[in-house]
Amino acid sequence: MSTENPHFDLPCVIFAGGKSSRMGQDKALLPFGEQKSLAEYQYRRLSKIFSSVYISTKEDKFAFSAPLILDGSHDVYAPTPAFVASFQELKEDIFVISVDTPFIDADTIEKIYAYKDKGFDAVIAKTKEGTHPLCGIYSYRLLSRFQDMLKEDSHRLGYLLKNVNTKFVYFDESDAFENLNHPHEYTKALQRAE
């Protein structure tokens, strides 16, 4: 980034309410980098570049202090309730990032942030592997859409993004978007974080 203290003036919400079924344990609570959990690692680093950072979760399960947004759902593991709760609490556009993508850096975010206030409903990262719906800006205007999705038990973010005014920001490199879904991916990411 061009500045020494990058600062993105919109709230960042870390989505950490997933099931982690492929990992076999709650990945948000796995140690990472110099922090006791992946959630804390994400919170600490993103707090340096965003005006405010929140963690969306189903319950307070963390051993560190951070502003939480409880998604109010104990049976839906899709991101939909997290979007509804985040918009209802913050009442503004949000930058969303998944707890299990620790390599999305300030330069990547800056490229997406460049399209803030350009009239899009969503600005989402895309690579040759496909879109990354949990890395991007979502407009507060989408609250009613997410409420409808929740009511209809329809949770396909890709379908929503195709049907609203979405800007897909293309990245040549995929490394930043590495997801830690399986134990071997977590082990590999630990080595990369050293």
C-alpha atoms as a PDB file:
ATOM      1  CA  MET A   1       0.000   0.000   0.000  1.00  0.00           C
ATOM      2  CA  SER A   2       1.057   3.535  -0.616  1.00  0.00           C
ATOM      3  CA  THR A   3       0.647   4.782   2.966  1.00  0.00           C
ATOM      4  CA  GLU A   4       2.500   3.614   6.032  1.00  0.00           C
ATOM      5  CA  ASN A   5      -0.737   3.271   8.018  1.00  0.00           C
ATOM      6  CA  PRO A   6      -3.354   2.032   5.582  1.00  0.00           C
ATOM      7  CA  HIS A   7      -6.827   2.900   6.749  1.00  0.00           C
ATOM      8  CA  PHE A   8     -10.058   1.698   5.219  1.00  0.00           C
ATOM      9  CA  ASP A   9     -12.959   3.774   6.396  1.00  0.00           C
ATOM     10  CA  LEU A  10     -15.697   1.169   6.650  1.00  0.00           C
ATOM     11  CA  PRO A  11     -16.354  -1.594   9.150  1.00  0.00           C
ATOM     12  CA  CYS A  12     -14.763  -4.969   8.522  1.00  0.00           C
ATOM     13  CA  VAL A  13     -16.721  -8.019   9.675  1.00  0.00           C
ATOM     14  CA  ILE A  14     -14.843 -11.295  10.125  1.00  0.00           C
ATOM     15  CA  PHE A  15     -17.227 -14.186   9.543  1.00  0.00           C
ATOM     16  CA  ALA A  16     -16.413 -16.869  12.133  1.00  0.00           C
ATOM     17  CA  GLY A  17     -19.713 -18.688  12.623  1.00  0.00           C
ATOM     18  CA  GLY A  18     -19.152 -21.605  10.259  1.00  0.00           C
ATOM     19  CA  LYS A  19     -19.377 -25.302  11.079  1.00  0.00           C
ATOM     20  CA  SER A  20     -15.724 -26.214  10.319  1.00  0.00           C
ATOM     21  CA  SER A  21     -16.894 -29.756   9.505  1.00  0.00           C
ATOM     22  CA  ARG A  22     -14.027 -30.442   7.078  1.00  0.00           C
ATOM     23  CA  MET A  23     -11.449 -29.289   9.638  1.00  0.00           C
ATOM     24  CA  GLY A  24     -12.943 -31.530  12.342  1.00  0.00           C
ATOM     25  CA  GLN A  25     -12.739 -28.743  14.941  1.00  0.00           C
ATOM     26  CA  ASP A  26     -13.594 -25.049  15.120  1.00  0.00           C
ATOM     27  CA  LYS A  27     -10.960 -23.474  12.878  1.00  0.00           C
ATOM     28  CA  ALA A  28     -11.596 -19.995  14.298  1.00  0.00           C
ATOM     29  CA  LEU A  29     -10.080 -21.255  17.570  1.00  0.00           C
ATOM     30  CA  LEU A  30      -6.976 -22.930  16.104  1.00  0.00           C
ATOM     31  CA  PRO A  31      -3.656 -21.220  16.997  1.00  0.00           C
ATOM     32  CA  PHE A  32      -2.184 -19.135  14.184  1.00  0.00           C
ATOM     33  CA  GLY A  33       0.894 -16.979  13.758  1.00  0.00           C
ATOM     34  CA  GLU A  34       1.743 -15.427  17.113  1.00  0.00           C
ATOM     35  CA  GLN A  35      -1.870 -15.504  18.305  1.00  0.00           C
ATOM     36  CA  LYS A  36      -3.746 -18.114  20.284  1.00  0.00           C
ATOM     37  CA  SER A  37      -6.450 -18.375  17.622  1.00  0.00           C
ATOM     38  CA  LEU A  38      -7.051 -17.729  13.944  1.00  0.00           C
ATOM     39  CA  ALA A  39      -9.869 -15.360  14.937  1.00  0.00           C
ATOM     40  CA  GLU A  40      -7.513 -13.302  17.096  1.00  0.00           C
ATOM     41  CA  TYR A  41      -4.862 -13.304  14.356  1.00  0.00           C
ATOM     42  CA  GLN A  42      -7.389 -11.935  11.858  1.00  0.00           C
ATOM     43  CA  TYR A  43      -8.796  -9.415  14.341  1.00  0.00           C
ATOM     44  CA  ARG A  44      -5.376  -8.025  15.350  1.00  0.00           C
ATOM     45  CA  ARG A  45      -4.053  -7.603  11.814  1.00  0.00           C
ATOM     46  CA  LEU A  46      -7.253  -6.212  10.288  1.00  0.00           C
ATOM     47  CA  SER A  47      -7.685  -3.742  13.178  1.00  0.00           C
ATOM     48  CA  LYS A  48      -4.497  -2.050  11.940  1.00  0.00           C
ATOM     49  CA  ILE A  49      -6.017  -1.207   8.556  1.00  0.00           C
ATOM     50  CA  PHE A  50      -9.789  -0.820   9.079  1.00  0.00           C
ATOM     51  CA  SER A  51     -11.562   1.926  11.010  1.00  0.00           C
ATOM     52  CA  SER A  52     -13.424  -0.776  12.979  1.00  0.00           C
ATOM     53  CA  VAL A  53     -13.441  -4.573  13.049  1.00  0.00           C
ATOM     54  CA  TYR A  54     -16.149  -6.933  14.307  1.00  0.00           C
ATOM     55  CA  ILE A  55     -16.412 -10.704  14.553  1.00  0.00           C
ATOM     56  CA  SER A  56     -19.629 -12.377  13.441  1.00  0.00           C
ATOM     57  CA  THR A  57     -20.239 -15.566  15.386  1.00  0.00           C
ATOM     58  CA  LYS A  58     -22.971 -17.684  16.908  1.00  0.00           C
ATOM     59  CA  GLU A  59     -21.672 -17.303  20.470  1.00  0.00           C
ATOM     60  CA  ASP A  60     -18.851 -15.683  22.422  1.00  0.00           C
ATOM     61  CA  LYS A  61     -16.272 -18.458  22.241  1.00  0.00           C
ATOM     62  CA  PHE A  62     -13.097 -16.385  22.145  1.00  0.00           C
ATOM     63  CA  ALA A  63     -10.346 -15.948  24.735  1.00  0.00           C
ATOM     64  CA  PHE A  64      -9.687 -12.331  23.693  1.00  0.00           C
ATOM     65  CA  SER A  65     -11.783  -9.203  23.686  1.00  0.00           C
ATOM     66  CA  ALA A  66     -13.313  -7.993  20.411  1.00  0.00           C
ATOM     67  CA  PRO A  67     -16.656  -6.481  19.351  1.00  0.00           C
ATOM     68  CA  LEU A  68     -18.934  -9.376  18.442  1.00  0.00           C
ATOM     69  CA  ILE A  69     -22.030  -9.525  16.265  1.00  0.00           C
ATOM     70  CA  LEU A  70     -24.061 -12.603  17.220  1.00  0.00           C
ATOM     71  CA  ASP A  71     -25.886 -13.907  14.171  1.00  0.00           C
ATOM     72  CA  GLY A  72     -28.879 -15.180  16.165  1.00  0.00           C
ATOM     73  CA  SER A  73     -28.978 -18.530  14.374  1.00  0.00           C
ATOM     74  CA  HIS A  74     -27.928 -21.862  15.793  1.00  0.00           C
ATOM     75  CA  ASP A  75     -29.078 -24.038  12.910  1.00  0.00           C
ATOM     76  CA  VAL A  76     -28.067 -22.089   9.775  1.00  0.00           C
ATOM     77  CA  TYR A  77     -24.346 -22.337   9.035  1.00  0.00           C
ATOM     78  CA  ALA A  78     -24.470 -20.328   5.814  1.00  0.00           C
ATOM     79  CA  PRO A  79     -23.311 -16.672   5.957  1.00  0.00           C
ATOM     80  CA  THR A  80     -26.866 -15.347   5.459  1.00  0.00           C
ATOM     81  CA  PRO A  81     -27.735 -14.738   9.150  1.00  0.00           C
ATOM     82  CA  ALA A  82     -24.329 -13.095   9.647  1.00  0.00           C
ATOM     83  CA  PHE A  83     -25.094 -10.606   6.861  1.00  0.00           C
ATOM     84  CA  VAL A  84     -28.529  -9.810   8.319  1.00  0.00           C
ATOM     85  CA  ALA A  85     -27.182  -9.342  11.861  1.00  0.00           C
ATOM     86  CA  SER A  86     -24.212  -7.249  10.665  1.00  0.00           C
ATOM     87  CA  PHE A  87     -26.363  -4.905   8.586  1.00  0.00           C
ATOM     88  CA  GLN A  88     -28.959  -4.569  11.357  1.00  0.00           C
ATOM     89  CA  GLU A  89     -26.288  -3.672  13.899  1.00  0.00           C
ATOM     90  CA  LEU A  90     -24.003  -1.459  11.803  1.00  0.00           C
ATOM     91  CA  LYS A  91     -26.519   0.090   9.376  1.00  0.00           C
ATOM     92  CA  GLU A  92     -23.871   0.762   6.736  1.00  0.00           C
ATOM     93  CA  ASP A  93     -21.823  -0.909   4.013  1.00  0.00           C
ATOM     94  CA  ILE A  94     -19.411  -3.556   5.289  1.00  0.00           C
ATOM     95  CA  PHE A  95     -16.225  -5.259   4.181  1.00  0.00           C
ATOM     96  CA  VAL A  96     -16.593  -9.004   4.733  1.00  0.00           C
ATOM     97  CA  ILE A  97     -13.764 -11.475   5.189  1.00  0.00           C
ATOM     98  CA  SER A  98     -13.824 -15.113   6.243  1.00  0.00           C
ATOM     99  CA  VAL A  99     -11.911 -16.075   9.373  1.00  0.00           C
ATOM    100  CA  ASP A 100     -10.111 -18.813   7.416  1.00  0.00           C
ATOM    101  CA  THR A 101      -8.407 -16.569   4.835  1.00  0.00           C
ATOM    102  CA  PRO A 102      -5.423 -15.159   6.776  1.00  0.00           C
ATOM    103  CA  PHE A 103      -3.380 -14.148   3.715  1.00  0.00           C
ATOM    104  CA  ILE A 104      -5.705 -11.508   2.271  1.00  0.00           C
ATOM    105  CA  ASP A 105      -3.502  -8.459   2.708  1.00  0.00           C
ATOM    106  CA  ALA A 106      -3.874  -4.682   2.588  1.00  0.00           C
ATOM    107  CA  ASP A 107      -2.895  -4.477  -1.092  1.00  0.00           C
ATOM    108  CA  THR A 108      -5.633  -6.949  -2.021  1.00  0.00           C
ATOM    109  CA  ILE A 109      -8.184  -5.059   0.063  1.00  0.00           C
ATOM    110  CA  GLU A 110      -7.078  -1.740  -1.433  1.00  0.00           C
ATOM    111  CA  LYS A 111      -7.833  -3.000  -4.953  1.00  0.00           C
ATOM    112  CA  ILE A 112     -11.387  -3.880  -3.874  1.00  0.00           C
ATOM    113  CA  TYR A 113     -11.794  -0.714  -1.789  1.00  0.00           C
ATOM    114  CA  ALA A 114     -11.070   1.393  -4.896  1.00  0.00           C
ATOM    115  CA  TYR A 115     -14.623   0.574  -6.064  1.00  0.00           C
ATOM    116  CA  LYS A 116     -16.276   1.709  -2.814  1.00  0.00           C
ATOM    117  CA  ASP A 117     -18.872   4.458  -3.395  1.00  0.00           C
ATOM    118  CA  LYS A 118     -19.066   3.673  -7.125  1.00  0.00           C
ATOM    119  CA  GLY A 119     -22.711   2.610  -6.872  1.00  0.00           C
ATOM    120  CA  PHE A 120     -22.223  -1.164  -6.781  1.00  0.00           C
ATOM    121  CA  ASP A 121     -24.308  -3.422  -4.523  1.00  0.00           C
ATOM    122  CA  ALA A 122     -21.248  -5.610  -3.995  1.00  0.00           C
ATOM    123  CA  VAL A 123     -17.547  -5.534  -4.900  1.00  0.00           C
ATOM    124  CA  ILE A 124     -16.131  -9.050  -4.809  1.00  0.00           C
ATOM    125  CA  ALA A 125     -12.720 -10.644  -5.389  1.00  0.00           C
ATOM    126  CA  LYS A 126     -12.381 -13.054  -8.298  1.00  0.00           C
ATOM    127  CA  THR A 127      -9.541 -15.310  -9.482  1.00  0.00           C
ATOM    128  CA  LYS A 128      -9.245 -17.957 -12.177  1.00  0.00           C
ATOM    129  CA  GLU A 129     -10.604 -20.455  -9.626  1.00  0.00           C
ATOM    130  CA  GLY A 130     -13.832 -18.453  -9.331  1.00  0.00           C
ATOM    131  CA  THR A 131     -15.392 -15.778  -7.144  1.00  0.00           C
ATOM    132  CA  HIS A 132     -14.585 -15.234  -3.464  1.00  0.00           C
ATOM    133  CA  PRO A 133     -17.879 -14.007  -1.981  1.00  0.00           C
ATOM    134  CA  LEU A 134     -16.411 -13.716   1.527  1.00  0.00           C
ATOM    135  CA  CYS A 135     -13.847 -11.163   0.444  1.00  0.00           C
ATOM    136  CA  GLY A 136     -15.439  -7.901  -0.539  1.00  0.00           C
ATOM    137  CA  ILE A 137     -17.749  -4.983   0.110  1.00  0.00           C
ATOM    138  CA  TYR A 138     -21.501  -5.444   0.522  1.00  0.00           C
ATOM    139  CA  SER A 139     -23.893  -2.509   0.418  1.00  0.00           C
ATOM    140  CA  TYR A 140     -26.340  -1.921   3.262  1.00  0.00           C
ATOM    141  CA  ARG A 141     -28.977  -1.794   0.494  1.00  0.00           C
ATOM    142  CA  LEU A 142     -28.774  -5.596   0.365  1.00  0.00           C
ATOM    143  CA  LEU A 143     -30.249  -6.068   3.861  1.00  0.00           C
ATOM    144  CA  SER A 144     -33.754  -6.813   2.558  1.00  0.00           C
ATOM    145  CA  ARG A 145     -32.345  -9.278   0.008  1.00  0.00           C
ATOM    146  CA  PHE A 146     -30.552 -11.187   2.762  1.00  0.00           C
ATOM    147  CA  GLN A 147     -33.664 -11.104   4.954  1.00  0.00           C
ATOM    148  CA  ASP A 148     -35.640 -12.647   2.081  1.00  0.00           C
ATOM    149  CA  MET A 149     -32.951 -15.307   1.570  1.00  0.00           C
ATOM    150  CA  LEU A 150     -33.111 -16.185   5.264  1.00  0.00           C
ATOM    151  CA  LYS A 151     -36.913 -16.404   5.167  1.00  0.00           C
ATOM    152  CA  GLU A 152     -36.803 -18.612   2.083  1.00  0.00           C
ATOM    153  CA  ASP A 153     -33.971 -20.766   3.470  1.00  0.00           C
ATOM    154  CA  SER A 154     -31.977 -19.915   0.340  1.00  0.00           C
ATOM    155  CA  HIS A 155     -28.319 -19.264   1.018  1.00  0.00           C
ATOM    156  CA  ARG A 156     -26.522 -19.183  -2.326  1.00  0.00           C
ATOM    157  CA  LEU A 157     -24.316 -16.088  -2.340  1.00  0.00           C
ATOM    158  CA  GLY A 158     -23.301 -16.730  -5.941  1.00  0.00           C
ATOM    159  CA  TYR A 159     -26.923 -16.528  -7.055  1.00  0.00           C
ATOM    160  CA  LEU A 160     -27.432 -13.253  -5.173  1.00  0.00           C
ATOM    161  CA  LEU A 161     -24.280 -11.719  -6.667  1.00  0.00           C
ATOM    162  CA  LYS A 162     -25.412 -12.604 -10.197  1.00  0.00           C
ATOM    163  CA  ASN A 163     -28.726 -10.844  -9.609  1.00  0.00           C
ATOM    164  CA  VAL A 164     -27.558  -7.559  -8.085  1.00  0.00           C
ATOM    165  CA  ASN A 165     -25.161  -4.889  -9.364  1.00  0.00           C
ATOM    166  CA  THR A 166     -21.885  -6.645  -8.565  1.00  0.00           C
ATOM    167  CA  LYS A 167     -18.383  -5.565  -9.537  1.00  0.00           C
ATOM    168  CA  PHE A 168     -15.988  -8.507  -9.697  1.00  0.00           C
ATOM    169  CA  VAL A 169     -12.376  -7.427  -9.152  1.00  0.00           C
ATOM    170  CA  TYR A 170      -9.998  -9.834 -10.870  1.00  0.00           C
ATOM    171  CA  PHE A 171      -6.735 -10.975  -9.272  1.00  0.00           C
ATOM    172  CA  ASP A 172      -4.106 -12.891 -11.271  1.00  0.00           C
ATOM    173  CA  GLU A 173      -2.663 -14.545  -8.187  1.00  0.00           C
ATOM    174  CA  SER A 174      -4.728 -16.893  -6.020  1.00  0.00           C
ATOM    175  CA  ASP A 175      -2.362 -17.302  -3.046  1.00  0.00           C
ATOM    176  CA  ALA A 176      -3.959 -14.540  -0.969  1.00  0.00           C
ATOM    177  CA  PHE A 177      -7.332 -16.285  -1.098  1.00  0.00           C
ATOM    178  CA  GLU A 178      -6.168 -19.617   0.268  1.00  0.00           C
ATOM    179  CA  ASN A 179      -8.896 -21.097   2.501  1.00  0.00           C
ATOM    180  CA  LEU A 180      -8.023 -23.220   5.511  1.00  0.00           C
ATOM    181  CA  ASN A 181     -10.745 -25.849   5.253  1.00  0.00           C
ATOM    182  CA  HIS A 182      -8.822 -29.085   5.843  1.00  0.00           C
ATOM    183  CA  PRO A 183      -6.124 -30.037   8.389  1.00  0.00           C
ATOM    184  CA  HIS A 184      -3.410 -30.290   5.689  1.00  0.00           C
ATOM    185  CA  GLU A 185      -4.241 -26.749   4.485  1.00  0.00           C
ATOM    186  CA  TYR A 186      -3.966 -25.463   8.058  1.00  0.00           C
ATOM    187  CA  THR A 187      -0.581 -27.174   8.534  1.00  0.00           C
ATOM    188  CA  LYS A 188       0.734 -25.700   5.287  1.00  0.00           C
ATOM    189  CA  ALA A 189      -0.569 -22.222   6.220  1.00  0.00           C
ATOM    190  CA  LEU A 190       1.177 -22.389   9.619  1.00  0.00           C
ATOM    191  CA  GLN A 191       4.513 -22.816   7.831  1.00  0.00           C
ATOM    192  CA  ARG A 192       3.682 -19.932   5.500  1.00  0.00           C
ATOM    193  CA  ALA A 193       2.779 -17.666   8.439  1.00  0.00           C
ATOM    194  CA  GLU A 194       6.171 -18.140  10.152  1.00  0.00           C
END
